[in-house]
Amino acid sequence: MQKAKATVRGAPILEVIACSVSDAIEAQRGGAGRLEIIRDFQRGGLTPSLELVQEILDAVTLPVRVMVREGDCYEVAGEVEREKLGAAARRLSGLNVDGVVLGFLRKGKIDVRLTEWVLSCTPNLKATFHHAFEESEDPFEAIRVLKRLKQVDRILTCGGTGEWSEKIKSFPDTRRRSVPRSRSSPAVE
């Protein structure tokens, strides 16, 4: 099935989580612009089976990103978990997916080494750094670190803690601090 092209850069995209083929079909019918495929929604989303990913790809035309996460926390427990992450990323690299969704921390900071290693297993795909971002000690430093990782083109965040009215006020400040100044992308004022 021919996949839809990504939308215009900077335009809002309704991304919907899909845990099944029926979720994916309903999301497409409902106007989703992209899917995030996961398993175990109650655990924050874990790596889905390759079979599920392929079934969803066969059923919808939306671009999809797929979760690469094996455990409940954002710190990887050991070599076995690390190898599972790499194997999943390599398998996804062979499918017609838009990218992966991942997020790893070590002692409250982005685990750059692990993130780079997992991304090296899938060099042809883009990546969304997921809600592990919310647990980083310094979100502005996390943004600076993630901007150095060429495959990471999105950060998934709920805007931190507190009421929505306060979260919304912080977004312009976050953009101003995170957007580099250049002729082609001036700082947001």
N, C-alpha and C. Protein backbone atom coordinates (compact mmCIF):
# COMPACT_ATOMS: atom_id res chain seq x y z
N MET A 1 0.84 -1.17 0.00
CA MET A 1 0.00 0.00 0.00
C MET A 1 0.89 1.24 0.00
N GLN A 2 0.61 2.20 -0.86
CA GLN A 2 1.39 3.45 -0.95
C GLN A 2 1.18 4.27 0.31
N LYS A 3 2.26 4.68 0.94
CA LYS A 3 2.18 5.47 2.17
C LYS A 3 2.01 6.95 1.85
N ALA A 4 1.28 7.62 2.72
CA ALA A 4 1.10 9.07 2.59
C ALA A 4 2.42 9.76 2.86
N LYS A 5 2.64 10.87 2.22
CA LYS A 5 3.83 11.68 2.45
C LYS A 5 3.66 12.44 3.77
N ALA A 6 4.79 12.77 4.40
CA ALA A 6 4.75 13.58 5.61
C ALA A 6 4.17 14.94 5.26
N THR A 7 3.57 15.59 6.24
CA THR A 7 2.95 16.89 6.01
C THR A 7 4.00 17.99 5.95
N VAL A 8 3.56 19.19 5.65
CA VAL A 8 4.45 20.35 5.56
C VAL A 8 5.15 20.55 6.90
N ARG A 9 6.45 20.80 6.85
CA ARG A 9 7.24 21.00 8.06
C ARG A 9 6.65 22.14 8.88
N GLY A 10 6.45 21.88 10.15
CA GLY A 10 5.93 22.90 11.05
C GLY A 10 4.41 22.90 11.17
N ALA A 11 3.72 22.23 10.24
CA ALA A 11 2.26 22.16 10.31
C ALA A 11 1.86 21.17 11.40
N PRO A 12 0.78 21.44 12.12
CA PRO A 12 0.34 20.50 13.15
C PRO A 12 -0.02 19.14 12.54
N ILE A 13 0.33 18.08 13.27
CA ILE A 13 0.03 16.72 12.84
C ILE A 13 -0.70 16.03 13.98
N LEU A 14 -1.83 15.43 13.68
CA LEU A 14 -2.53 14.63 14.67
C LEU A 14 -1.94 13.23 14.63
N GLU A 15 -1.15 12.90 15.64
CA GLU A 15 -0.54 11.58 15.73
C GLU A 15 -1.34 10.78 16.74
N VAL A 16 -1.74 9.57 16.35
CA VAL A 16 -2.59 8.74 17.18
C VAL A 16 -1.85 7.44 17.49
N ILE A 17 -1.96 7.01 18.73
CA ILE A 17 -1.36 5.74 19.13
C ILE A 17 -2.26 4.60 18.66
N ALA A 18 -1.63 3.58 18.09
CA ALA A 18 -2.35 2.39 17.65
C ALA A 18 -1.72 1.15 18.28
N CYS A 19 -2.56 0.35 18.91
CA CYS A 19 -2.12 -0.91 19.51
C CYS A 19 -2.65 -2.11 18.74
N SER A 20 -3.45 -1.84 17.70
CA SER A 20 -4.05 -2.91 16.90
C SER A 20 -4.35 -2.40 15.50
N VAL A 21 -4.66 -3.32 14.61
CA VAL A 21 -5.03 -2.94 13.25
C VAL A 21 -6.31 -2.11 13.28
N SER A 22 -7.27 -2.51 14.11
CA SER A 22 -8.52 -1.74 14.17
C SER A 22 -8.28 -0.33 14.70
N ASP A 23 -7.38 -0.16 15.66
CA ASP A 23 -7.02 1.19 16.13
C ASP A 23 -6.50 2.02 14.95
N ALA A 24 -5.62 1.43 14.16
CA ALA A 24 -5.00 2.14 13.04
C ALA A 24 -6.03 2.54 11.99
N ILE A 25 -6.92 1.62 11.66
CA ILE A 25 -7.96 1.91 10.66
C ILE A 25 -8.88 3.02 11.16
N GLU A 26 -9.29 2.96 12.42
CA GLU A 26 -10.16 4.00 12.98
C GLU A 26 -9.45 5.34 13.05
N ALA A 27 -8.17 5.33 13.38
CA ALA A 27 -7.40 6.58 13.43
C ALA A 27 -7.34 7.22 12.05
N GLN A 28 -7.11 6.42 11.03
CA GLN A 28 -7.07 6.96 9.66
C GLN A 28 -8.43 7.52 9.28
N ARG A 29 -9.49 6.79 9.58
CA ARG A 29 -10.86 7.28 9.29
C ARG A 29 -11.15 8.58 10.03
N GLY A 30 -10.61 8.71 11.24
CA GLY A 30 -10.87 9.87 12.08
C GLY A 30 -10.01 11.09 11.77
N GLY A 31 -9.10 10.97 10.80
CA GLY A 31 -8.32 12.13 10.39
C GLY A 31 -6.90 12.21 10.92
N ALA A 32 -6.39 11.12 11.46
CA ALA A 32 -5.01 11.13 11.95
C ALA A 32 -4.05 11.44 10.80
N GLY A 33 -2.96 12.10 11.13
CA GLY A 33 -1.93 12.41 10.14
C GLY A 33 -0.75 11.46 10.21
N ARG A 34 -0.63 10.75 11.35
CA ARG A 34 0.46 9.78 11.52
C ARG A 34 0.06 8.87 12.68
N LEU A 35 0.62 7.66 12.67
CA LEU A 35 0.39 6.71 13.75
C LEU A 35 1.68 6.45 14.53
N GLU A 36 1.51 6.18 15.80
CA GLU A 36 2.59 5.64 16.63
C GLU A 36 2.13 4.26 17.06
N ILE A 37 2.84 3.24 16.61
CA ILE A 37 2.46 1.87 16.91
C ILE A 37 3.20 1.40 18.15
N ILE A 38 2.43 0.90 19.12
CA ILE A 38 2.99 0.41 20.38
C ILE A 38 2.24 -0.85 20.80
N ARG A 39 2.75 -1.48 21.85
CA ARG A 39 1.99 -2.48 22.59
C ARG A 39 2.00 -2.05 24.06
N ASP A 40 1.11 -2.58 24.85
CA ASP A 40 1.05 -2.31 26.28
C ASP A 40 0.92 -0.82 26.60
N PHE A 41 -0.17 -0.25 26.14
CA PHE A 41 -0.46 1.17 26.38
C PHE A 41 -0.38 1.51 27.87
N GLN A 42 -0.88 0.60 28.72
CA GLN A 42 -0.91 0.84 30.17
C GLN A 42 0.49 0.96 30.76
N ARG A 43 1.50 0.45 30.07
CA ARG A 43 2.88 0.52 30.55
C ARG A 43 3.65 1.64 29.87
N GLY A 44 2.95 2.53 29.20
CA GLY A 44 3.59 3.67 28.55
C GLY A 44 4.05 3.39 27.13
N GLY A 45 3.76 2.20 26.63
CA GLY A 45 4.12 1.84 25.26
C GLY A 45 5.43 1.09 25.19
N LEU A 46 5.37 -0.11 24.64
CA LEU A 46 6.55 -0.94 24.45
C LEU A 46 6.63 -1.36 22.99
N THR A 47 7.75 -1.96 22.60
CA THR A 47 7.97 -2.39 21.22
C THR A 47 6.90 -3.39 20.82
N PRO A 48 6.17 -3.10 19.74
CA PRO A 48 5.15 -4.05 19.26
C PRO A 48 5.80 -5.17 18.45
N SER A 49 5.03 -6.20 18.17
CA SER A 49 5.55 -7.29 17.34
C SER A 49 5.72 -6.80 15.90
N LEU A 50 6.67 -7.36 15.22
CA LEU A 50 6.91 -7.03 13.81
C LEU A 50 5.69 -7.39 12.97
N GLU A 51 5.02 -8.47 13.34
CA GLU A 51 3.82 -8.89 12.61
C GLU A 51 2.72 -7.84 12.71
N LEU A 52 2.52 -7.28 13.91
CA LEU A 52 1.51 -6.22 14.07
C LEU A 52 1.87 -5.01 13.23
N VAL A 53 3.12 -4.61 13.26
CA VAL A 53 3.55 -3.45 12.47
C VAL A 53 3.25 -3.69 10.99
N GLN A 54 3.59 -4.86 10.47
CA GLN A 54 3.36 -5.15 9.06
C GLN A 54 1.87 -5.19 8.74
N GLU A 55 1.06 -5.76 9.62
CA GLU A 55 -0.39 -5.78 9.40
C GLU A 55 -0.96 -4.36 9.32
N ILE A 56 -0.49 -3.48 10.19
CA ILE A 56 -0.95 -2.09 10.17
C ILE A 56 -0.47 -1.40 8.90
N LEU A 57 0.78 -1.63 8.52
CA LEU A 57 1.28 -1.03 7.27
C LEU A 57 0.46 -1.48 6.07
N ASP A 58 0.01 -2.72 6.08
CA ASP A 58 -0.81 -3.23 4.99
C ASP A 58 -2.23 -2.67 5.00
N ALA A 59 -2.69 -2.21 6.17
CA ALA A 59 -4.09 -1.78 6.32
C ALA A 59 -4.32 -0.29 6.13
N VAL A 60 -3.29 0.54 6.31
CA VAL A 60 -3.48 1.99 6.25
C VAL A 60 -2.45 2.65 5.35
N THR A 61 -2.71 3.89 4.98
CA THR A 61 -1.77 4.64 4.14
C THR A 61 -1.02 5.72 4.92
N LEU A 62 -1.27 5.83 6.20
CA LEU A 62 -0.63 6.85 7.03
C LEU A 62 0.84 6.55 7.27
N PRO A 63 1.67 7.59 7.44
CA PRO A 63 3.03 7.35 7.91
C PRO A 63 2.97 6.82 9.34
N VAL A 64 3.88 5.93 9.68
CA VAL A 64 3.89 5.37 11.03
C VAL A 64 5.28 5.46 11.65
N ARG A 65 5.27 5.67 12.94
CA ARG A 65 6.48 5.56 13.74
C ARG A 65 6.21 4.45 14.75
N VAL A 66 7.26 3.72 15.11
CA VAL A 66 7.09 2.54 15.94
C VAL A 66 7.95 2.65 17.20
N MET A 67 7.33 2.34 18.34
CA MET A 67 8.02 2.39 19.62
C MET A 67 9.12 1.35 19.68
N VAL A 68 10.29 1.77 20.19
CA VAL A 68 11.40 0.86 20.47
C VAL A 68 11.70 1.06 21.96
N ARG A 69 11.10 0.22 22.78
CA ARG A 69 11.23 0.31 24.24
C ARG A 69 10.86 -1.05 24.82
N GLU A 70 11.71 -1.60 25.65
CA GLU A 70 11.49 -2.95 26.17
C GLU A 70 11.07 -3.01 27.63
N GLY A 71 11.29 -1.95 28.39
CA GLY A 71 10.99 -1.99 29.82
C GLY A 71 10.17 -0.80 30.28
N ASP A 72 9.73 -0.88 31.54
CA ASP A 72 8.88 0.16 32.10
C ASP A 72 9.61 1.46 32.41
N CYS A 73 10.89 1.40 32.69
CA CYS A 73 11.61 2.63 33.02
C CYS A 73 12.43 3.10 31.81
N TYR A 74 13.00 4.27 31.93
CA TYR A 74 13.73 4.87 30.81
C TYR A 74 15.22 4.56 30.84
N GLU A 75 15.66 3.88 31.90
CA GLU A 75 17.05 3.43 31.97
C GLU A 75 17.07 1.95 31.58
N VAL A 76 17.96 1.60 30.68
CA VAL A 76 18.05 0.22 30.20
C VAL A 76 18.75 -0.62 31.26
N ALA A 77 18.13 -1.78 31.57
CA ALA A 77 18.57 -2.61 32.68
C ALA A 77 19.89 -3.34 32.44
N GLY A 78 20.20 -3.68 31.20
CA GLY A 78 21.42 -4.43 30.97
C GLY A 78 21.61 -4.77 29.51
N GLU A 79 22.60 -5.61 29.25
CA GLU A 79 22.98 -5.96 27.89
C GLU A 79 21.87 -6.70 27.14
N VAL A 80 21.12 -7.54 27.81
CA VAL A 80 20.04 -8.29 27.14
C VAL A 80 18.99 -7.31 26.60
N GLU A 81 18.58 -6.36 27.44
CA GLU A 81 17.61 -5.37 26.99
C GLU A 81 18.18 -4.52 25.86
N ARG A 82 19.42 -4.12 25.98
CA ARG A 82 20.08 -3.33 24.93
C ARG A 82 20.07 -4.08 23.60
N GLU A 83 20.39 -5.36 23.62
CA GLU A 83 20.41 -6.16 22.39
C GLU A 83 19.00 -6.31 21.80
N LYS A 84 17.99 -6.44 22.65
CA LYS A 84 16.61 -6.50 22.16
C LYS A 84 16.23 -5.20 21.44
N LEU A 85 16.65 -4.07 22.01
CA LEU A 85 16.37 -2.77 21.39
C LEU A 85 17.03 -2.68 20.02
N GLY A 86 18.29 -3.07 19.93
CA GLY A 86 19.01 -3.03 18.66
C GLY A 86 18.39 -3.96 17.63
N ALA A 87 18.00 -5.16 18.05
CA ALA A 87 17.38 -6.11 17.13
C ALA A 87 16.05 -5.57 16.60
N ALA A 88 15.26 -4.97 17.47
CA ALA A 88 13.98 -4.39 17.05
C ALA A 88 14.22 -3.26 16.05
N ALA A 89 15.18 -2.40 16.33
CA ALA A 89 15.47 -1.28 15.44
C ALA A 89 15.92 -1.79 14.07
N ARG A 90 16.77 -2.82 14.04
CA ARG A 90 17.23 -3.37 12.76
C ARG A 90 16.07 -3.95 11.96
N ARG A 91 15.17 -4.66 12.63
CA ARG A 91 14.00 -5.24 11.93
C ARG A 91 13.10 -4.13 11.37
N LEU A 92 12.89 -3.08 12.15
CA LEU A 92 12.03 -1.98 11.69
C LEU A 92 12.65 -1.25 10.51
N SER A 93 13.95 -1.21 10.47
CA SER A 93 14.65 -0.53 9.38
C SER A 93 14.33 -1.14 8.03
N GLY A 94 13.95 -2.41 8.01
CA GLY A 94 13.62 -3.08 6.76
C GLY A 94 12.17 -2.92 6.34
N LEU A 95 11.37 -2.23 7.14
CA LEU A 95 9.96 -2.03 6.80
C LEU A 95 9.73 -0.62 6.28
N ASN A 96 8.55 -0.40 5.74
CA ASN A 96 8.18 0.90 5.18
C ASN A 96 7.59 1.80 6.27
N VAL A 97 8.40 2.07 7.33
CA VAL A 97 7.94 2.95 8.40
C VAL A 97 8.64 4.29 8.28
N ASP A 98 8.00 5.32 8.83
CA ASP A 98 8.52 6.68 8.80
C ASP A 98 9.65 6.86 9.81
N GLY A 99 9.59 6.11 10.92
CA GLY A 99 10.61 6.28 11.94
C GLY A 99 10.33 5.46 13.17
N VAL A 100 11.17 5.69 14.19
CA VAL A 100 11.03 5.02 15.47
C VAL A 100 10.74 6.05 16.55
N VAL A 101 10.24 5.55 17.67
CA VAL A 101 9.99 6.37 18.85
C VAL A 101 10.80 5.74 19.97
N LEU A 102 11.66 6.54 20.59
CA LEU A 102 12.52 5.99 21.64
C LEU A 102 12.84 7.07 22.66
N GLY A 103 13.43 6.66 23.77
CA GLY A 103 13.84 7.62 24.78
C GLY A 103 14.53 6.93 25.92
N PHE A 104 15.80 7.25 26.11
CA PHE A 104 16.59 6.59 27.14
C PHE A 104 17.29 7.62 28.01
N LEU A 105 17.28 7.37 29.31
CA LEU A 105 17.95 8.25 30.26
C LEU A 105 18.97 7.45 31.06
N ARG A 106 19.94 8.17 31.59
CA ARG A 106 20.90 7.61 32.55
C ARG A 106 21.13 8.69 33.59
N LYS A 107 20.70 8.39 34.81
CA LYS A 107 20.86 9.32 35.94
C LYS A 107 20.27 10.69 35.64
N GLY A 108 19.06 10.71 35.05
CA GLY A 108 18.35 11.96 34.80
C GLY A 108 18.77 12.74 33.58
N LYS A 109 19.71 12.20 32.82
CA LYS A 109 20.17 12.88 31.60
C LYS A 109 19.93 11.96 30.39
N ILE A 110 19.86 12.54 29.20
CA ILE A 110 19.70 11.75 28.00
C ILE A 110 20.86 10.76 27.90
N ASP A 111 20.55 9.50 27.70
CA ASP A 111 21.59 8.49 27.50
C ASP A 111 22.00 8.54 26.02
N VAL A 112 22.91 9.44 25.73
CA VAL A 112 23.33 9.69 24.35
C VAL A 112 23.95 8.45 23.74
N ARG A 113 24.79 7.80 24.48
CA ARG A 113 25.48 6.63 23.96
C ARG A 113 24.49 5.55 23.50
N LEU A 114 23.53 5.22 24.35
CA LEU A 114 22.54 4.20 24.00
C LEU A 114 21.65 4.68 22.86
N THR A 115 21.22 5.93 22.91
CA THR A 115 20.36 6.47 21.86
C THR A 115 21.08 6.42 20.52
N GLU A 116 22.33 6.86 20.48
CA GLU A 116 23.10 6.80 19.23
C GLU A 116 23.26 5.37 18.74
N TRP A 117 23.50 4.44 19.66
CA TRP A 117 23.69 3.04 19.27
C TRP A 117 22.41 2.47 18.66
N VAL A 118 21.27 2.70 19.31
CA VAL A 118 20.00 2.19 18.77
C VAL A 118 19.73 2.83 17.41
N LEU A 119 19.95 4.13 17.29
CA LEU A 119 19.73 4.80 16.01
C LEU A 119 20.68 4.28 14.93
N SER A 120 21.88 3.87 15.31
CA SER A 120 22.82 3.32 14.33
C SER A 120 22.32 1.98 13.77
N CYS A 121 21.44 1.33 14.50
CA CYS A 121 20.85 0.07 14.03
C CYS A 121 19.76 0.31 12.99
N THR A 122 19.34 1.54 12.85
CA THR A 122 18.30 1.92 11.91
C THR A 122 18.64 3.26 11.27
N PRO A 123 19.74 3.33 10.54
CA PRO A 123 20.27 4.62 10.05
C PRO A 123 19.39 5.32 9.02
N ASN A 124 18.46 4.60 8.40
CA ASN A 124 17.62 5.20 7.37
C ASN A 124 16.32 5.79 7.92
N LEU A 125 16.11 5.74 9.23
CA LEU A 125 14.84 6.20 9.81
C LEU A 125 15.04 7.43 10.70
N LYS A 126 14.00 8.25 10.75
CA LYS A 126 13.95 9.38 11.67
C LYS A 126 13.50 8.87 13.04
N ALA A 127 13.58 9.73 14.04
CA ALA A 127 13.21 9.31 15.38
C ALA A 127 12.50 10.42 16.14
N THR A 128 11.54 10.00 16.95
CA THR A 128 10.90 10.85 17.93
C THR A 128 11.45 10.46 19.29
N PHE A 129 11.94 11.43 20.06
CA PHE A 129 12.35 11.15 21.43
C PHE A 129 11.11 11.30 22.29
N HIS A 130 10.68 10.21 22.93
CA HIS A 130 9.38 10.20 23.60
C HIS A 130 9.41 10.81 25.00
N HIS A 131 8.35 10.52 25.75
CA HIS A 131 8.11 11.17 27.02
C HIS A 131 9.17 10.92 28.09
N ALA A 132 10.21 10.16 27.81
CA ALA A 132 11.36 10.11 28.73
C ALA A 132 11.91 11.53 28.91
N PHE A 133 11.71 12.35 27.89
CA PHE A 133 12.12 13.76 27.95
C PHE A 133 11.56 14.43 29.21
N GLU A 134 10.33 14.08 29.58
CA GLU A 134 9.68 14.68 30.76
C GLU A 134 10.44 14.38 32.05
N GLU A 135 11.19 13.28 32.07
CA GLU A 135 11.91 12.87 33.27
C GLU A 135 13.34 13.40 33.32
N SER A 136 13.79 14.08 32.27
CA SER A 136 15.16 14.60 32.28
C SER A 136 15.26 15.74 33.30
N GLU A 137 16.42 15.84 33.93
CA GLU A 137 16.63 16.85 34.97
C GLU A 137 16.56 18.27 34.43
N ASP A 138 17.09 18.48 33.24
CA ASP A 138 17.17 19.82 32.65
C ASP A 138 16.64 19.75 31.22
N PRO A 139 15.39 20.14 31.00
CA PRO A 139 14.81 20.01 29.66
C PRO A 139 15.54 20.82 28.59
N PHE A 140 16.09 21.97 28.96
CA PHE A 140 16.78 22.77 27.94
C PHE A 140 18.10 22.13 27.53
N GLU A 141 18.80 21.54 28.49
CA GLU A 141 20.01 20.79 28.15
C GLU A 141 19.64 19.56 27.33
N ALA A 142 18.54 18.90 27.67
CA ALA A 142 18.08 17.72 26.91
C ALA A 142 17.80 18.11 25.46
N ILE A 143 17.18 19.26 25.25
CA ILE A 143 16.91 19.73 23.89
C ILE A 143 18.23 19.95 23.14
N ARG A 144 19.18 20.60 23.79
CA ARG A 144 20.48 20.83 23.14
C ARG A 144 21.14 19.51 22.75
N VAL A 145 21.09 18.53 23.63
CA VAL A 145 21.69 17.22 23.36
C VAL A 145 20.97 16.54 22.19
N LEU A 146 19.65 16.54 22.23
CA LEU A 146 18.87 15.86 21.19
C LEU A 146 19.04 16.52 19.82
N LYS A 147 19.25 17.82 19.80
CA LYS A 147 19.44 18.52 18.52
C LYS A 147 20.72 18.08 17.82
N ARG A 148 21.67 17.53 18.56
CA ARG A 148 22.91 17.03 17.96
C ARG A 148 22.73 15.66 17.31
N LEU A 149 21.63 14.99 17.61
CA LEU A 149 21.37 13.67 17.03
C LEU A 149 20.54 13.87 15.76
N LYS A 150 21.17 13.72 14.62
CA LYS A 150 20.56 14.08 13.33
C LYS A 150 19.26 13.34 13.04
N GLN A 151 19.12 12.11 13.51
CA GLN A 151 17.90 11.35 13.22
C GLN A 151 16.72 11.80 14.06
N VAL A 152 16.97 12.41 15.21
CA VAL A 152 15.87 12.85 16.08
C VAL A 152 15.31 14.15 15.52
N ASP A 153 14.07 14.07 15.04
CA ASP A 153 13.44 15.25 14.47
C ASP A 153 12.21 15.71 15.25
N ARG A 154 11.88 15.01 16.33
CA ARG A 154 10.74 15.39 17.15
C ARG A 154 11.00 15.01 18.60
N ILE A 155 10.41 15.78 19.50
CA ILE A 155 10.41 15.47 20.93
C ILE A 155 8.95 15.43 21.35
N LEU A 156 8.56 14.33 21.97
CA LEU A 156 7.20 14.19 22.47
C LEU A 156 7.17 14.68 23.91
N THR A 157 6.37 15.69 24.19
CA THR A 157 6.27 16.24 25.53
C THR A 157 4.84 16.67 25.82
N CYS A 158 4.48 16.57 27.10
CA CYS A 158 3.17 17.10 27.51
C CYS A 158 3.34 18.49 28.10
N GLY A 159 4.55 19.02 28.07
CA GLY A 159 4.79 20.38 28.54
C GLY A 159 5.16 20.47 30.00
N GLY A 160 5.39 19.34 30.66
CA GLY A 160 5.77 19.37 32.07
C GLY A 160 4.58 19.22 32.99
N THR A 161 4.80 19.53 34.24
CA THR A 161 3.75 19.38 35.25
C THR A 161 2.95 20.67 35.36
N GLY A 162 1.81 20.57 36.00
CA GLY A 162 0.99 21.75 36.25
C GLY A 162 -0.23 21.83 35.34
N GLU A 163 -0.92 22.94 35.46
CA GLU A 163 -2.13 23.18 34.68
C GLU A 163 -1.78 23.55 33.24
N TRP A 164 -2.67 23.25 32.31
CA TRP A 164 -2.44 23.55 30.89
C TRP A 164 -2.18 25.03 30.65
N SER A 165 -2.87 25.90 31.39
CA SER A 165 -2.67 27.34 31.17
C SER A 165 -1.22 27.73 31.46
N GLU A 166 -0.59 27.09 32.44
CA GLU A 166 0.82 27.37 32.76
C GLU A 166 1.75 26.71 31.75
N LYS A 167 1.41 25.50 31.32
CA LYS A 167 2.23 24.79 30.34
C LYS A 167 2.30 25.58 29.03
N ILE A 168 1.17 26.08 28.59
CA ILE A 168 1.12 26.81 27.32
C ILE A 168 2.01 28.05 27.39
N LYS A 169 2.04 28.71 28.52
CA LYS A 169 2.88 29.90 28.67
C LYS A 169 4.36 29.56 28.52
N SER A 170 4.76 28.35 28.88
CA SER A 170 6.17 27.99 28.81
C SER A 170 6.62 27.60 27.41
N PHE A 171 5.70 27.24 26.52
CA PHE A 171 6.10 26.80 25.18
C PHE A 171 6.86 27.86 24.39
N PRO A 172 6.43 29.12 24.35
CA PRO A 172 7.22 30.10 23.60
C PRO A 172 8.65 30.22 24.14
N ASP A 173 8.83 30.15 25.47
CA ASP A 173 10.16 30.23 26.05
C ASP A 173 10.99 29.02 25.62
N THR A 174 10.41 27.85 25.61
CA THR A 174 11.11 26.64 25.19
C THR A 174 11.55 26.77 23.74
N ARG A 175 10.68 27.23 22.87
CA ARG A 175 11.04 27.38 21.45
C ARG A 175 12.15 28.41 21.29
N ARG A 176 12.08 29.52 22.01
CA ARG A 176 13.08 30.57 21.89
C ARG A 176 14.45 30.02 22.30
N ARG A 177 14.50 29.20 23.32
CA ARG A 177 15.77 28.66 23.79
C ARG A 177 16.27 27.52 22.91
N SER A 178 15.39 26.83 22.20
CA SER A 178 15.81 25.63 21.49
C SER A 178 16.04 25.82 20.00
N VAL A 179 15.50 26.88 19.40
CA VAL A 179 15.65 27.08 17.97
C VAL A 179 16.95 27.83 17.70
N PRO A 180 17.85 27.27 16.89
CA PRO A 180 19.11 27.95 16.63
C PRO A 180 18.89 29.19 15.76
N ARG A 181 19.73 30.17 15.93
CA ARG A 181 19.67 31.37 15.10
C ARG A 181 20.49 31.14 13.84
N SER A 182 19.86 31.37 12.71
CA SER A 182 20.56 31.32 11.42
C SER A 182 19.70 32.08 10.42
N ARG A 183 20.25 32.32 9.25
CA ARG A 183 19.46 33.02 8.24
C ARG A 183 18.22 32.25 7.83
N SER A 184 18.33 30.91 7.81
CA SER A 184 17.19 30.12 7.34
C SER A 184 16.19 29.82 8.45
N SER A 185 16.58 29.92 9.72
CA SER A 185 15.62 29.68 10.81
C SER A 185 15.88 30.66 11.94
N PRO A 186 15.32 31.85 11.85
CA PRO A 186 15.54 32.85 12.89
C PRO A 186 14.94 32.40 14.21
N ALA A 187 15.45 32.91 15.31
CA ALA A 187 14.92 32.59 16.62
C ALA A 187 13.47 33.06 16.71
N VAL A 188 12.68 32.32 17.41
CA VAL A 188 11.28 32.66 17.60
C VAL A 188 11.21 33.80 18.61
N GLU A 189 10.51 34.83 18.29
CA GLU A 189 10.39 35.99 19.21
C GLU A 189 9.05 36.00 19.87
